Amino acid sequence: MSERSYGREFGFMTRAVHTGNDVDKDTGAIKRPITMGNSYELPYDPSDINWSSAEKALYTRNGGVNQNYLQEKLAALAGTEDCVVLASGVAALSGIFFTFLKSGDHVVCSNVTYIAVYRLLTDQLKTKYGIDTTLVDSSDLEAVKAAIRPNTKLVHIETPGNPAMTISDIREIAAIAHSAGALFSVDNTFASPYHQRPAELGADLTVESLTKYINGHGDAMGGAVMGAKELIDRIRADAMVNQGGCISPFNAWLIMRGAVTLPLRMRQHSESALAIAHFLEGLPSIRFVAYPGLASHKGHRIASAQMQKGFSGMMSFGLDADADTHNRFVSHLKVITSAVSLGHDESLIVFLGPDDERQYLYPEEFHRGFFRFSVGLEDVEDIIHDIQQALQQVGLL
């Protein structure tokens, strides 16, 4: 269904259901099928084809039809002109860095970021290509301004930041980046486009790990970058066609399916997370709770302004206890699963101990170790009871 032919702009939930989907012309199925072929029929005379083009279906490394359907949906949800879907969230991030940076360039990046971003920018790009990065508390606008150099080509932030839940002002940082002539990219994975659309606040590029909330079922991997067509075309050529970071048709189809329920899932994740954050905040055995929906959170005011319809399902918290007690607490959980990743239907928790390589970058309350907690879709009463009984088992309730 086309918004243009329909004559009005669809709401977010309608776009989640319909954009990128249509009746299959061959079978009449009302869901587009998985097209697993890796090669497509050529015209009678293929001599003038650009074999690296992504404009026409030629070869799945250049882009497959399931990927194209998903890209259409994600651009509509993010409110951008175009989208490129890649094999993982890290492939999407790498696609930005390797496409737009060269030796001698400088990057300003949030000091609270996904571990792969930290390693890419502070190790691989620096040692291999001579690209410098300044890690900065991006919740501090003056610190962001002070980090800008004449050769700054990219400002990259996460908000909320993984794993410390730092909130950064997208609109203000966009102005800082653009005044310096730099590109501005935002990793929006923790929020999803349901709660936050960085392009509407001035971001040039929005990154989503599709593995997380947009897929939502813990059974597929993918990543996406959304933005203006001119920028996305460059990432598509470099990261997908020439570096081979393409997504499989099956994963694209799974994520397309999962994205349909994104609005409903995000609403429930957020509602449950807020209730759990209030519950945890009221316990004397909980050392801190970092959730932007709490009035006590340092970034609550900004989060309230730029996050729509809720504050997502991610939080961090720490017990007033040593590392072993944190681990024993996890061992007693029955509903909440100890596992990495986030945004699944099931609740996931991971303990990040005091020896984590990035502890020095986190706020002081995180230094004794803490949990990153992805609130799932179980009954909130069951999640809270699970936390209560595990706290009782370790003598903290």
Protein backbone atom coordinates (compact mmCIF):
# COMPACT_ATOMS: atom_id res chain seq x y z
CA MET A 1 0.00 0.00 0.00
CA SER A 2 1.46 3.37 -1.03
CA GLU A 3 0.95 6.50 1.03
CA ARG A 4 1.17 8.54 -2.14
CA SER A 5 -1.69 6.67 -3.82
CA TYR A 6 -3.71 6.58 -0.63
CA GLY A 7 -3.57 10.37 -0.31
CA ARG A 8 -2.65 10.75 3.38
CA GLU A 9 0.32 10.13 5.62
CA PHE A 10 0.06 6.89 7.53
CA GLY A 11 0.61 6.67 11.27
CA PHE A 12 3.55 4.75 12.74
CA MET A 13 1.58 1.55 13.42
CA THR A 14 0.13 1.48 9.89
CA ARG A 15 3.60 1.97 8.41
CA ALA A 16 4.94 -0.86 10.58
CA VAL A 17 2.29 -3.20 9.19
CA HIS A 18 2.07 -2.18 5.54
CA THR A 19 5.22 -0.42 4.28
CA GLY A 20 7.42 -2.76 2.25
CA ASN A 21 4.71 -5.40 2.03
CA ASP A 22 2.34 -6.09 -0.85
CA VAL A 23 0.50 -8.93 -2.54
CA ASP A 24 2.96 -11.31 -4.21
CA LYS A 25 2.31 -11.09 -7.96
CA ASP A 26 3.20 -14.70 -8.69
CA THR A 27 1.19 -16.47 -6.00
CA GLY A 28 -1.35 -13.94 -4.72
CA ALA A 29 0.02 -14.39 -1.16
CA ILE A 30 -0.63 -11.31 0.94
CA LYS A 31 2.86 -11.54 2.47
CA ARG A 32 5.91 -11.24 0.27
CA PRO A 33 7.85 -14.53 0.23
CA ILE A 34 11.49 -15.24 1.01
CA THR A 35 13.52 -15.08 -2.19
CA MET A 36 16.57 -17.22 -1.43
CA GLY A 37 18.18 -17.09 -4.88
CA ASN A 38 21.53 -15.32 -4.85
CA SER A 39 21.45 -14.38 -8.53
CA TYR A 40 18.85 -12.75 -10.79
CA GLU A 41 18.10 -13.09 -14.50
CA LEU A 42 20.05 -10.73 -16.75
CA PRO A 43 18.61 -8.82 -19.73
CA TYR A 44 19.20 -9.92 -23.34
CA ASP A 45 22.28 -7.69 -23.63
CA PRO A 46 24.04 -7.29 -20.25
CA SER A 47 27.18 -5.67 -21.69
CA ASP A 48 26.45 -2.20 -20.32
CA ILE A 49 25.55 -3.32 -16.77
CA ASN A 50 27.51 -1.91 -13.86
CA TRP A 51 28.26 -5.14 -11.99
CA SER A 52 28.66 -3.25 -8.70
CA SER A 53 25.31 -1.50 -8.96
CA ALA A 54 22.65 -1.91 -6.30
CA GLU A 55 19.98 -0.26 -8.45
CA LYS A 56 18.84 -3.48 -10.15
CA ALA A 57 18.59 -6.98 -8.68
CA LEU A 58 21.69 -8.76 -9.99
CA TYR A 59 23.38 -10.56 -7.14
CA THR A 60 22.39 -10.69 -3.48
CA ARG A 61 25.65 -9.12 -2.29
CA ASN A 62 24.51 -6.03 -4.21
CA GLY A 63 21.10 -6.22 -2.55
CA GLY A 64 18.27 -8.73 -2.63
CA VAL A 65 14.54 -8.18 -2.92
CA ASN A 66 13.81 -9.07 0.72
CA GLN A 67 16.42 -6.55 1.79
CA ASN A 68 14.82 -3.90 -0.43
CA TYR A 69 11.40 -4.45 1.14
CA LEU A 70 12.90 -4.11 4.62
CA GLN A 71 14.80 -0.97 3.67
CA GLU A 72 11.57 0.64 2.48
CA LYS A 73 9.88 -0.14 5.80
CA LEU A 74 12.75 1.08 7.97
CA ALA A 75 13.16 4.37 6.10
CA ALA A 76 9.43 4.99 6.60
CA LEU A 77 9.67 4.24 10.33
CA ALA A 78 12.78 6.40 10.81
CA GLY A 79 11.42 9.28 8.73
CA THR A 80 14.37 9.30 6.32
CA GLU A 81 14.84 9.37 2.57
CA ASP A 82 16.69 6.07 2.31
CA CYS A 83 18.06 3.09 4.23
CA VAL A 84 20.71 0.42 3.77
CA VAL A 85 20.37 -2.89 5.62
CA LEU A 86 23.52 -4.85 6.45
CA ALA A 87 24.45 -8.12 8.15
CA SER A 88 24.61 -6.82 11.74
CA GLY A 89 24.55 -3.68 13.83
CA VAL A 90 28.35 -3.69 13.90
CA ALA A 91 28.41 -3.95 10.09
CA ALA A 92 26.18 -0.86 9.97
CA LEU A 93 28.48 1.07 12.33
CA SER A 94 31.59 -0.08 10.47
CA GLY A 95 29.90 0.96 7.25
CA ILE A 96 29.66 4.56 8.47
CA PHE A 97 33.22 4.67 9.79
CA PHE A 98 34.89 3.07 6.77
CA THR A 99 32.82 5.03 4.25
CA PHE A 100 33.25 8.54 5.62
CA LEU A 101 36.63 8.49 7.44
CA LYS A 102 40.20 8.44 6.15
CA SER A 103 43.69 8.71 7.58
CA GLY A 104 44.21 11.95 9.49
CA ASP A 105 40.53 12.46 10.33
CA HIS A 106 39.17 12.93 13.84
CA VAL A 107 36.01 11.56 15.46
CA VAL A 108 34.14 12.74 18.55
CA CYS A 109 32.28 9.84 20.13
CA SER A 110 30.20 9.18 23.24
CA ASN A 111 32.33 7.63 25.97
CA VAL A 112 29.44 5.27 26.80
CA THR A 113 28.96 3.13 23.70
CA TYR A 114 28.61 -0.42 22.52
CA ILE A 115 31.87 -2.32 23.03
CA ALA A 116 32.45 -2.85 19.28
CA VAL A 117 32.29 0.92 18.67
CA TYR A 118 34.82 1.49 21.44
CA ARG A 119 37.23 -1.04 19.94
CA LEU A 120 36.73 0.06 16.34
CA LEU A 121 37.43 3.71 17.11
CA THR A 122 40.09 3.48 19.81
CA ASP A 123 41.99 0.49 18.42
CA GLN A 124 41.40 -0.65 14.87
CA LEU A 125 40.82 2.66 13.09
CA LYS A 126 43.56 4.35 15.10
CA THR A 127 46.29 1.73 14.75
CA LYS A 128 45.50 0.65 11.19
CA TYR A 129 44.49 3.95 9.58
CA GLY A 130 45.64 6.80 11.82
CA ILE A 131 42.12 8.03 12.61
CA ASP A 132 41.96 9.70 16.04
CA THR A 133 38.95 9.56 18.34
CA THR A 134 38.09 11.66 21.36
CA LEU A 135 35.75 9.92 23.78
CA VAL A 136 33.57 12.45 25.55
CA ASP A 137 30.64 12.53 27.95
CA SER A 138 28.10 13.43 25.27
CA SER A 139 25.54 14.41 27.92
CA ASP A 140 27.83 17.44 28.53
CA LEU A 141 27.39 19.83 25.60
CA GLU A 142 30.39 21.95 26.60
CA ALA A 143 32.56 18.83 26.59
CA VAL A 144 31.32 17.97 23.09
CA LYS A 145 32.14 21.49 21.86
CA ALA A 146 35.59 21.39 23.46
CA ALA A 147 36.39 18.07 21.75
CA ILE A 148 35.83 19.43 18.22
CA ARG A 149 39.00 19.89 16.14
CA PRO A 150 39.58 21.40 12.69
CA ASN A 151 39.86 17.86 11.28
CA THR A 152 36.73 16.48 13.01
CA LYS A 153 34.75 14.70 10.30
CA LEU A 154 32.23 12.74 12.38
CA VAL A 155 30.38 13.12 15.67
CA HIS A 156 28.86 9.83 16.78
CA ILE A 157 26.68 9.33 19.86
CA GLU A 158 24.47 6.72 21.49
CA THR A 159 21.41 7.85 23.36
CA PRO A 160 20.41 6.14 25.55
CA GLY A 161 24.01 4.96 25.83
CA ASN A 162 24.93 1.31 26.18
CA PRO A 163 25.20 0.24 28.98
CA ALA A 164 25.08 3.19 31.38
CA MET A 165 21.88 4.74 29.98
CA THR A 166 23.47 8.14 29.34
CA ILE A 167 21.11 10.61 27.65
CA SER A 168 22.47 13.09 25.11
CA ASP A 169 20.69 16.03 23.51
CA ILE A 170 20.41 15.08 19.83
CA ARG A 171 19.22 18.46 18.55
CA GLU A 172 21.97 20.43 20.32
CA ILE A 173 24.75 18.05 19.31
CA ALA A 174 23.52 18.14 15.70
CA ALA A 175 24.02 21.92 15.76
CA ILE A 176 27.54 21.53 17.21
CA ALA A 177 28.54 18.92 14.61
CA HIS A 178 27.12 20.81 11.66
CA SER A 179 28.71 24.11 12.71
CA ALA A 180 32.05 22.27 12.53
CA GLY A 181 31.23 20.81 9.11
CA ALA A 182 31.08 17.28 10.50
CA LEU A 183 28.61 14.48 9.87
CA PHE A 184 26.45 13.52 12.83
CA SER A 185 25.37 9.92 13.45
CA VAL A 186 23.20 8.54 16.25
CA ASP A 187 22.96 4.93 17.39
CA ASN A 188 19.27 4.65 18.21
CA THR A 189 19.20 0.95 19.11
CA PHE A 190 18.14 1.34 22.76
CA ALA A 191 15.22 3.60 21.84
CA SER A 192 14.07 2.19 18.47
CA PRO A 193 12.29 4.44 15.94
CA TYR A 194 9.06 4.02 17.88
CA HIS A 195 10.40 6.08 20.78
CA GLN A 196 12.99 8.27 19.08
CA ARG A 197 13.68 9.42 15.52
CA PRO A 198 17.06 11.18 15.39
CA ALA A 199 16.59 12.36 11.81
CA GLU A 200 13.73 14.58 12.99
CA LEU A 201 16.15 16.13 15.51
CA GLY A 202 18.95 16.87 13.05
CA ALA A 203 20.97 13.65 12.75
CA ASP A 204 22.46 12.93 9.32
CA LEU A 205 22.61 9.18 9.92
CA THR A 206 20.62 6.92 12.23
CA VAL A 207 21.94 3.48 13.16
CA GLU A 208 19.82 0.58 14.38
CA SER A 209 20.94 -2.87 15.38
CA LEU A 210 18.00 -4.73 13.86
CA THR A 211 19.00 -7.77 15.91
CA LYS A 212 17.52 -6.04 18.94
CA TYR A 213 14.12 -4.32 19.22
CA ILE A 214 13.18 -4.07 15.55
CA ASN A 215 13.38 -7.82 15.06
CA GLY A 216 12.34 -8.39 18.65
CA HIS A 217 12.36 -12.18 18.72
CA GLY A 218 16.03 -13.06 19.26
CA ASP A 219 16.24 -15.13 16.08
CA ALA A 220 17.88 -12.95 13.40
CA MET A 221 20.78 -10.54 12.98
CA GLY A 222 20.93 -7.35 10.98
CA GLY A 223 21.83 -3.68 11.08
CA ALA A 224 20.66 -0.57 9.28
CA VAL A 225 21.73 2.98 8.53
CA MET A 226 19.07 5.51 7.60
CA GLY A 227 19.56 8.97 6.13
CA ALA A 228 19.66 11.02 2.93
CA LYS A 229 19.97 8.98 -0.28
CA GLU A 230 23.32 10.54 -1.22
CA LEU A 231 24.89 9.38 2.06
CA ILE A 232 23.20 5.97 2.06
CA ASP A 233 24.27 5.27 -1.52
CA ARG A 234 27.90 5.73 -0.47
CA ILE A 235 27.51 3.29 2.44
CA ARG A 236 25.66 0.84 0.18
CA ALA A 237 28.54 0.87 -2.33
CA ASP A 238 31.38 0.67 0.19
CA ALA A 239 30.03 -1.45 3.04
CA MET A 240 27.67 -3.76 1.20
CA VAL A 241 28.85 -4.20 -2.38
CA ASN A 242 32.60 -3.77 -1.97
CA GLN A 243 33.12 -5.03 1.60
CA GLY A 244 30.42 -7.68 1.46
CA GLY A 245 28.45 -6.80 4.58
CA CYS A 246 25.16 -7.98 3.06
CA ILE A 247 22.26 -9.43 5.03
CA SER A 248 20.86 -12.85 4.13
CA PRO A 249 17.39 -12.97 2.54
CA PHE A 250 16.13 -15.13 5.42
CA ASN A 251 17.30 -12.68 8.09
CA ALA A 252 15.80 -9.78 6.13
CA TRP A 253 12.49 -11.65 5.96
CA LEU A 254 12.54 -12.48 9.69
CA ILE A 255 13.26 -8.87 10.64
CA MET A 256 10.55 -7.66 8.25
CA ARG A 257 8.12 -9.95 10.07
CA GLY A 258 9.29 -8.84 13.52
CA ALA A 259 9.08 -5.13 12.71
CA VAL A 260 5.32 -5.36 12.21
CA THR A 261 4.75 -5.66 15.98
CA LEU A 262 7.42 -3.10 16.98
CA PRO A 263 4.94 -0.45 18.22
CA LEU A 264 3.00 -2.92 20.37
CA ARG A 265 6.13 -4.48 21.81
CA MET A 266 7.83 -1.16 22.57
CA ARG A 267 4.75 0.08 24.37
CA GLN A 268 4.79 -2.96 26.65
CA HIS A 269 8.58 -2.98 27.15
CA SER A 270 8.40 0.66 28.24
CA GLU A 271 5.39 0.29 30.52
CA SER A 272 6.92 -2.71 32.30
CA ALA A 273 10.39 -1.16 32.55
CA LEU A 274 9.06 1.97 34.22
CA ALA A 275 7.15 -0.09 36.81
CA ILE A 276 10.23 -2.24 37.50
CA ALA A 277 12.52 0.81 37.75
CA HIS A 278 10.21 2.37 40.36
CA PHE A 279 10.14 -0.95 42.25
CA LEU A 280 13.94 -1.26 42.27
CA GLU A 281 14.44 2.38 43.24
CA GLY A 282 12.43 1.77 46.40
CA LEU A 283 14.63 -1.10 47.67
CA PRO A 284 17.44 -0.32 50.16
CA SER A 285 19.52 -3.20 48.77
CA ILE A 286 19.66 -1.57 45.31
CA ARG A 287 22.67 0.75 45.04
CA PHE A 288 21.41 2.66 41.98
CA VAL A 289 18.94 2.42 39.12
CA ALA A 290 19.69 4.10 35.77
CA TYR A 291 16.51 4.43 33.74
CA PRO A 292 15.64 7.64 31.84
CA GLY A 293 11.98 7.36 32.77
CA LEU A 294 12.81 8.01 36.43
CA ALA A 295 12.71 11.63 37.60
CA SER A 296 15.95 10.90 39.46
CA HIS A 297 17.83 10.18 36.20
CA LYS A 298 20.25 12.95 35.23
CA GLY A 299 18.96 12.95 31.64
CA HIS A 300 15.24 12.64 32.42
CA ARG A 301 14.32 16.13 31.19
CA ILE A 302 16.04 15.70 27.83
CA ALA A 303 14.76 12.14 27.44
CA SER A 304 11.22 13.36 28.09
CA ALA A 305 11.62 15.92 25.30
CA GLN A 306 13.16 13.72 22.61
CA MET A 307 11.86 10.22 23.40
CA GLN A 308 8.25 9.77 22.32
CA LYS A 309 5.62 7.59 23.98
CA GLY A 310 7.94 6.16 26.62
CA PHE A 311 11.52 5.42 27.62
CA SER A 312 12.09 1.93 26.18
CA GLY A 313 12.86 -1.28 28.03
CA MET A 314 16.55 -0.94 28.94
CA MET A 315 17.97 -0.09 32.35
CA SER A 316 21.05 -0.64 34.48
CA PHE A 317 21.14 -1.23 38.22
CA GLY A 318 23.54 -2.37 40.89
CA LEU A 319 23.15 -4.26 44.16
CA ASP A 320 24.64 -2.94 47.38
CA ALA A 321 26.86 -6.02 47.39
CA ASP A 322 30.07 -7.51 46.00
CA ALA A 323 30.55 -9.09 42.57
CA ASP A 324 29.95 -12.65 43.81
CA THR A 325 26.57 -11.65 45.25
CA HIS A 326 25.61 -10.13 41.91
CA ASN A 327 26.42 -13.43 40.22
CA ARG A 328 24.59 -15.49 42.87
CA PHE A 329 21.54 -13.25 42.40
CA VAL A 330 21.52 -14.03 38.68
CA SER A 331 21.86 -17.76 39.35
CA HIS A 332 18.56 -17.69 41.29
CA LEU A 333 16.51 -15.97 38.56
CA LYS A 334 13.84 -18.16 36.96
CA VAL A 335 11.96 -15.86 34.55
CA ILE A 336 14.82 -13.52 33.63
CA THR A 337 17.52 -15.13 31.47
CA SER A 338 21.25 -14.49 31.89
CA ALA A 339 22.36 -13.72 28.32
CA VAL A 340 23.77 -10.97 26.15
CA SER A 341 21.77 -9.04 23.54
CA LEU A 342 18.61 -7.09 24.27
CA GLY A 343 15.17 -6.23 22.95
CA HIS A 344 13.99 -9.85 22.89
CA ASP A 345 10.56 -11.07 23.91
CA GLU A 346 12.16 -12.61 27.02
CA SER A 347 13.85 -10.54 29.76
CA LEU A 348 17.65 -10.67 29.58
CA ILE A 349 20.24 -9.69 32.17
CA VAL A 350 24.05 -9.52 32.07
CA PHE A 351 26.45 -8.69 34.90
CA LEU A 352 29.29 -6.35 33.99
CA GLY A 353 31.90 -6.72 36.71
CA PRO A 354 34.30 -4.15 38.15
CA ASP A 355 37.10 -5.40 35.86
CA ASP A 356 35.24 -4.47 32.65
CA GLU A 357 37.70 -2.64 30.36
CA ARG A 358 35.46 0.43 30.09
CA GLN A 359 34.54 0.87 33.76
CA TYR A 360 36.71 4.01 33.93
CA LEU A 361 34.39 5.68 31.42
CA TYR A 362 31.19 5.04 33.39
CA PRO A 363 29.71 7.15 36.19
CA GLU A 364 31.21 6.35 39.61
CA GLU A 365 28.23 4.32 40.84
CA PHE A 366 28.91 1.76 38.08
CA HIS A 367 32.49 1.03 39.15
CA ARG A 368 31.61 -1.78 41.59
CA GLY A 369 29.87 -3.74 38.85
CA PHE A 370 26.27 -3.60 37.65
CA PHE A 371 23.55 -5.30 35.63
CA ARG A 372 22.38 -4.35 32.17
CA PHE A 373 18.74 -5.40 32.12
CA SER A 374 16.53 -5.75 29.05
CA VAL A 375 12.93 -5.93 30.23
CA GLY A 376 10.92 -8.44 28.20
CA LEU A 377 7.26 -9.06 27.47
CA GLU A 378 6.45 -11.32 30.38
CA ASP A 379 3.81 -10.22 32.91
CA VAL A 380 5.43 -7.44 34.88
CA GLU A 381 4.23 -9.01 38.14
CA ASP A 382 6.18 -12.17 37.27
CA ILE A 383 9.35 -10.21 36.51
CA ILE A 384 9.12 -8.29 39.79
CA HIS A 385 8.43 -11.49 41.75
CA ASP A 386 11.46 -13.11 40.09
CA ILE A 387 13.67 -10.23 41.24
CA GLN A 388 12.19 -10.39 44.74
CA GLN A 389 12.75 -14.11 45.20
CA ALA A 390 16.35 -13.88 43.87
CA LEU A 391 17.09 -11.02 46.29
CA GLN A 392 15.69 -13.12 49.11
CA GLN A 393 17.92 -16.04 48.10
CA VAL A 394 21.05 -13.88 48.48
CA GLY A 395 19.88 -12.21 51.71
CA LEU A 396 19.14 -8.77 50.26
CA LEU A 397 15.37 -8.70 50.87
